[in-house]
N, C-alpha and C. Protein backbone atom coordinates (compact mmCIF):
# COMPACT_ATOMS: atom_id res chain seq x y z
N MET A 1 2.88 3.71 12.80
CA MET A 1 3.44 4.06 11.52
C MET A 1 3.60 5.56 11.49
N LYS A 2 4.68 6.02 10.88
CA LYS A 2 4.93 7.45 10.78
C LYS A 2 4.78 7.90 9.33
N THR A 3 3.93 8.89 9.13
CA THR A 3 3.74 9.49 7.82
C THR A 3 4.35 10.89 7.84
N GLY A 4 4.28 11.58 6.73
CA GLY A 4 4.80 12.93 6.66
C GLY A 4 4.13 13.89 7.62
N ASP A 5 2.91 13.57 8.04
CA ASP A 5 2.19 14.46 8.96
C ASP A 5 2.07 13.86 10.36
N GLY A 6 3.01 12.99 10.73
CA GLY A 6 3.04 12.43 12.09
C GLY A 6 2.64 10.97 12.14
N GLY A 7 2.55 10.43 13.36
CA GLY A 7 2.17 9.04 13.55
C GLY A 7 0.69 8.82 13.31
N ARG A 8 0.36 7.76 12.59
CA ARG A 8 -1.04 7.43 12.30
C ARG A 8 -1.19 5.92 12.26
N ARG A 9 -2.40 5.46 12.45
CA ARG A 9 -2.71 4.04 12.31
C ARG A 9 -3.28 3.82 10.91
N VAL A 10 -3.12 2.59 10.42
CA VAL A 10 -3.58 2.29 9.07
C VAL A 10 -5.07 2.56 8.92
N PHE A 11 -5.88 2.21 9.91
CA PHE A 11 -7.32 2.41 9.76
C PHE A 11 -7.67 3.89 9.58
N GLU A 12 -6.83 4.80 10.08
CA GLU A 12 -7.09 6.23 9.89
C GLU A 12 -6.96 6.63 8.42
N LEU A 13 -6.09 5.94 7.68
CA LEU A 13 -5.91 6.24 6.26
C LEU A 13 -7.14 5.86 5.45
N LEU A 14 -7.97 4.98 5.99
CA LEU A 14 -9.15 4.50 5.26
C LEU A 14 -10.39 5.34 5.52
N HIS A 15 -10.30 6.37 6.34
CA HIS A 15 -11.46 7.21 6.65
C HIS A 15 -12.03 7.91 5.42
N THR A 16 -11.23 8.09 4.39
CA THR A 16 -11.69 8.74 3.16
C THR A 16 -12.49 7.79 2.27
N ALA A 17 -12.53 6.51 2.63
CA ALA A 17 -13.23 5.48 1.84
C ALA A 17 -12.63 5.35 0.44
N ARG A 18 -11.32 5.56 0.35
CA ARG A 18 -10.59 5.39 -0.91
C ARG A 18 -9.51 4.33 -0.71
N PRO A 19 -9.12 3.67 -1.79
CA PRO A 19 -8.01 2.72 -1.69
C PRO A 19 -6.72 3.45 -1.32
N VAL A 20 -5.81 2.73 -0.67
CA VAL A 20 -4.54 3.31 -0.25
C VAL A 20 -3.41 2.39 -0.70
N LEU A 21 -2.44 2.97 -1.40
CA LEU A 21 -1.19 2.28 -1.67
C LEU A 21 -0.22 2.78 -0.62
N LEU A 22 0.09 1.94 0.33
CA LEU A 22 0.93 2.29 1.46
C LEU A 22 2.35 1.84 1.16
N ASP A 23 3.23 2.81 0.94
CA ASP A 23 4.63 2.55 0.61
C ASP A 23 5.45 2.72 1.88
N LEU A 24 5.96 1.62 2.40
CA LEU A 24 6.71 1.65 3.65
C LEU A 24 8.22 1.69 3.46
N ARG A 25 8.67 1.77 2.20
CA ARG A 25 10.12 1.78 1.95
C ARG A 25 10.56 2.95 1.07
N GLY A 26 9.66 3.80 0.63
CA GLY A 26 10.03 4.93 -0.22
C GLY A 26 10.46 4.52 -1.61
N ASP A 27 9.73 3.58 -2.20
CA ASP A 27 10.06 3.03 -3.51
C ASP A 27 9.45 3.90 -4.61
N THR A 28 10.28 4.63 -5.35
CA THR A 28 9.77 5.52 -6.39
C THR A 28 9.07 4.76 -7.52
N ALA A 29 9.44 3.51 -7.74
CA ALA A 29 8.78 2.71 -8.78
C ALA A 29 7.31 2.47 -8.45
N LEU A 30 6.98 2.34 -7.17
CA LEU A 30 5.57 2.18 -6.78
C LEU A 30 4.77 3.42 -7.14
N ALA A 31 5.31 4.58 -6.81
CA ALA A 31 4.61 5.83 -7.12
C ALA A 31 4.43 5.99 -8.63
N ALA A 32 5.47 5.67 -9.39
CA ALA A 32 5.38 5.79 -10.85
C ALA A 32 4.34 4.82 -11.41
N THR A 33 4.27 3.61 -10.87
CA THR A 33 3.31 2.62 -11.34
C THR A 33 1.88 3.06 -11.02
N ALA A 34 1.68 3.58 -9.83
CA ALA A 34 0.33 3.95 -9.38
C ALA A 34 -0.13 5.31 -9.91
N GLU A 35 0.75 6.04 -10.56
CA GLU A 35 0.42 7.39 -11.03
C GLU A 35 -0.83 7.43 -11.91
N SER A 36 -1.03 6.42 -12.72
CA SER A 36 -2.20 6.39 -13.61
C SER A 36 -3.50 6.14 -12.88
N TRP A 37 -3.44 5.82 -11.59
CA TRP A 37 -4.63 5.62 -10.76
C TRP A 37 -4.73 6.71 -9.69
N ALA A 38 -3.93 7.77 -9.80
CA ALA A 38 -3.83 8.80 -8.75
C ALA A 38 -5.18 9.42 -8.40
N GLY A 39 -6.08 9.51 -9.33
CA GLY A 39 -7.39 10.09 -9.05
C GLY A 39 -8.30 9.15 -8.28
N ARG A 40 -7.89 7.89 -8.16
CA ARG A 40 -8.73 6.89 -7.49
C ARG A 40 -8.06 6.21 -6.31
N VAL A 41 -6.74 6.30 -6.22
CA VAL A 41 -5.98 5.60 -5.17
C VAL A 41 -5.06 6.61 -4.48
N ASP A 42 -5.11 6.64 -3.16
CA ASP A 42 -4.22 7.51 -2.39
C ASP A 42 -2.88 6.82 -2.18
N LEU A 43 -1.80 7.49 -2.52
CA LEU A 43 -0.46 6.98 -2.26
C LEU A 43 0.03 7.61 -0.97
N VAL A 44 0.38 6.78 0.00
CA VAL A 44 0.87 7.26 1.29
C VAL A 44 2.24 6.66 1.53
N GLU A 45 3.23 7.52 1.70
CA GLU A 45 4.57 7.05 2.05
C GLU A 45 4.71 7.17 3.55
N ALA A 46 5.13 6.10 4.18
CA ALA A 46 5.24 6.06 5.64
C ALA A 46 6.36 5.13 6.04
N ARG A 47 6.63 5.09 7.30
CA ARG A 47 7.60 4.16 7.86
C ARG A 47 6.92 3.40 8.98
N SER A 48 7.11 2.11 9.03
CA SER A 48 6.53 1.28 10.08
C SER A 48 7.32 1.48 11.36
N ALA A 49 6.59 1.55 12.47
CA ALA A 49 7.24 1.71 13.77
C ALA A 49 7.88 0.40 14.23
N ALA A 50 7.55 -0.70 13.59
CA ALA A 50 8.05 -2.02 14.00
C ALA A 50 8.57 -2.79 12.79
N ASP A 51 9.56 -3.63 13.01
CA ASP A 51 10.09 -4.48 11.94
C ASP A 51 9.21 -5.70 11.69
N HIS A 52 8.41 -6.07 12.70
CA HIS A 52 7.49 -7.21 12.59
C HIS A 52 6.11 -6.77 13.04
N TRP A 53 5.09 -7.32 12.38
CA TRP A 53 3.69 -7.00 12.72
C TRP A 53 3.03 -8.23 13.30
N PRO A 54 2.19 -8.06 14.32
CA PRO A 54 1.45 -9.20 14.85
C PRO A 54 0.37 -9.65 13.86
N VAL A 55 0.33 -10.93 13.59
CA VAL A 55 -0.67 -11.49 12.67
C VAL A 55 -1.19 -12.78 13.28
N TRP A 56 -2.44 -12.78 13.60
CA TRP A 56 -3.05 -13.98 14.15
C TRP A 56 -3.38 -14.94 13.02
N PRO A 57 -3.16 -16.17 13.05
CA PRO A 57 -2.73 -17.02 14.14
C PRO A 57 -1.25 -17.36 14.10
N VAL A 58 -0.47 -16.71 13.23
CA VAL A 58 0.94 -17.10 13.07
C VAL A 58 1.89 -16.35 14.00
N ASP A 59 1.40 -15.55 14.89
CA ASP A 59 2.17 -14.78 15.86
C ASP A 59 2.62 -13.46 15.26
N GLU A 60 3.62 -13.46 14.39
CA GLU A 60 4.04 -12.21 13.77
C GLU A 60 4.69 -12.49 12.42
N THR A 61 4.80 -11.43 11.60
CA THR A 61 5.38 -11.54 10.28
C THR A 61 6.24 -10.30 10.02
N PRO A 62 7.27 -10.40 9.21
CA PRO A 62 8.05 -9.20 8.90
C PRO A 62 7.15 -8.12 8.29
N ALA A 63 7.38 -6.88 8.66
CA ALA A 63 6.60 -5.78 8.09
C ALA A 63 6.81 -5.75 6.57
N PRO A 64 5.74 -5.57 5.81
CA PRO A 64 5.87 -5.56 4.35
C PRO A 64 6.54 -4.29 3.87
N ALA A 65 6.95 -4.28 2.59
CA ALA A 65 7.52 -3.10 1.97
C ALA A 65 6.43 -2.17 1.46
N ALA A 66 5.29 -2.75 1.07
CA ALA A 66 4.17 -1.96 0.55
C ALA A 66 2.90 -2.79 0.59
N LEU A 67 1.77 -2.09 0.66
CA LEU A 67 0.45 -2.74 0.66
C LEU A 67 -0.51 -1.92 -0.18
N LEU A 68 -1.34 -2.58 -0.96
CA LEU A 68 -2.48 -1.94 -1.61
C LEU A 68 -3.70 -2.36 -0.81
N ILE A 69 -4.33 -1.39 -0.16
CA ILE A 69 -5.44 -1.68 0.74
C ILE A 69 -6.73 -1.16 0.13
N ARG A 70 -7.70 -2.06 -0.02
CA ARG A 70 -9.01 -1.66 -0.53
C ARG A 70 -9.72 -0.80 0.52
N PRO A 71 -10.73 -0.03 0.11
CA PRO A 71 -11.45 0.82 1.06
C PRO A 71 -12.11 0.04 2.21
N ASP A 72 -12.39 -1.26 2.00
CA ASP A 72 -13.00 -2.06 3.06
C ASP A 72 -11.97 -2.65 4.01
N GLY A 73 -10.68 -2.31 3.81
CA GLY A 73 -9.62 -2.75 4.70
C GLY A 73 -8.91 -4.02 4.28
N HIS A 74 -9.40 -4.70 3.26
CA HIS A 74 -8.73 -5.91 2.79
C HIS A 74 -7.51 -5.55 1.95
N VAL A 75 -6.47 -6.35 2.06
CA VAL A 75 -5.24 -6.13 1.30
C VAL A 75 -5.38 -6.78 -0.06
N ALA A 76 -5.22 -5.98 -1.12
CA ALA A 76 -5.36 -6.47 -2.49
C ALA A 76 -4.02 -6.87 -3.10
N TRP A 77 -2.92 -6.36 -2.55
CA TRP A 77 -1.58 -6.65 -3.07
C TRP A 77 -0.58 -6.31 -1.98
N THR A 78 0.53 -7.01 -1.96
CA THR A 78 1.59 -6.71 -0.99
C THR A 78 2.95 -6.94 -1.62
N ALA A 79 3.92 -6.16 -1.17
CA ALA A 79 5.32 -6.37 -1.52
C ALA A 79 6.03 -6.77 -0.25
N HIS A 80 6.68 -7.90 -0.29
CA HIS A 80 7.37 -8.41 0.89
C HIS A 80 8.67 -7.67 1.13
N ALA A 81 9.01 -7.47 2.37
CA ALA A 81 10.26 -6.81 2.74
C ALA A 81 11.44 -7.59 2.19
N GLY A 82 12.44 -6.89 1.73
CA GLY A 82 13.65 -7.54 1.24
C GLY A 82 13.56 -8.08 -0.17
N THR A 83 12.44 -7.84 -0.87
CA THR A 83 12.29 -8.29 -2.24
C THR A 83 11.96 -7.10 -3.13
N THR A 84 12.15 -7.26 -4.42
CA THR A 84 11.75 -6.24 -5.38
C THR A 84 10.25 -6.37 -5.62
N PRO A 85 9.48 -5.28 -5.44
CA PRO A 85 8.03 -5.38 -5.66
C PRO A 85 7.70 -5.82 -7.08
N ASP A 86 6.70 -6.68 -7.20
CA ASP A 86 6.22 -7.14 -8.51
C ASP A 86 5.26 -6.08 -9.04
N LEU A 87 5.79 -5.16 -9.86
CA LEU A 87 4.99 -4.04 -10.36
C LEU A 87 3.92 -4.50 -11.34
N GLY A 88 4.16 -5.58 -12.06
CA GLY A 88 3.13 -6.14 -12.94
C GLY A 88 1.94 -6.62 -12.13
N ALA A 89 2.20 -7.28 -11.01
CA ALA A 89 1.13 -7.74 -10.13
C ALA A 89 0.40 -6.55 -9.50
N LEU A 90 1.14 -5.48 -9.19
CA LEU A 90 0.49 -4.27 -8.67
C LEU A 90 -0.44 -3.68 -9.71
N ARG A 91 0.01 -3.55 -10.96
CA ARG A 91 -0.87 -3.04 -12.03
C ARG A 91 -2.09 -3.92 -12.20
N THR A 92 -1.90 -5.24 -12.14
CA THR A 92 -3.03 -6.17 -12.27
C THR A 92 -4.03 -5.94 -11.15
N ALA A 93 -3.56 -5.80 -9.91
CA ALA A 93 -4.46 -5.57 -8.77
C ALA A 93 -5.16 -4.22 -8.89
N LEU A 94 -4.42 -3.18 -9.27
CA LEU A 94 -5.04 -1.86 -9.44
C LEU A 94 -6.15 -1.91 -10.49
N THR A 95 -5.88 -2.58 -11.59
CA THR A 95 -6.87 -2.69 -12.67
C THR A 95 -8.07 -3.52 -12.23
N ALA A 96 -7.81 -4.65 -11.59
CA ALA A 96 -8.91 -5.55 -11.17
C ALA A 96 -9.84 -4.87 -10.17
N TRP A 97 -9.28 -4.13 -9.23
CA TRP A 97 -10.10 -3.55 -8.17
C TRP A 97 -10.58 -2.13 -8.45
N PHE A 98 -9.81 -1.35 -9.23
CA PHE A 98 -10.13 0.07 -9.35
C PHE A 98 -10.24 0.55 -10.78
N GLY A 99 -10.29 -0.37 -11.74
CA GLY A 99 -10.51 -0.02 -13.14
C GLY A 99 -9.22 0.22 -13.88
N PRO A 100 -9.33 0.43 -15.20
CA PRO A 100 -8.13 0.60 -16.02
C PRO A 100 -7.40 1.90 -15.69
N ALA A 101 -6.11 1.91 -16.06
CA ALA A 101 -5.30 3.11 -15.86
C ALA A 101 -5.87 4.26 -16.67
N MET A 102 -5.70 5.46 -16.15
CA MET A 102 -6.13 6.65 -16.88
C MET A 102 -5.07 6.97 -17.92
N ALA A 103 -5.50 7.38 -19.09
CA ALA A 103 -4.56 7.75 -20.15
C ALA A 103 -3.87 9.06 -19.79
N ASP A 104 -2.62 9.16 -20.18
CA ASP A 104 -1.86 10.41 -19.90
C ASP A 104 -2.31 11.53 -20.77
């Protein structure tokens, strides 16, 4: 995966022990939705080096458009490639795992 500061692996993003919203398509709506959790969730915009990712036991799957990854590495929310991200579901996942949105 390529980020603004070069190629990195997803596990490297988790070294801070903070949740990561990984935006693989440059969707400004994701950033706007996650803005109220900015103090608790890292937003990383990147590009996947591959169109498909290996996933055991199904062989491979299309690379997602975005992922919300908990600090323990589990995926709490995903946006599938080629679809409009469900921002309501993203807000629900952010609230369930990382608390309510911060007031502006």
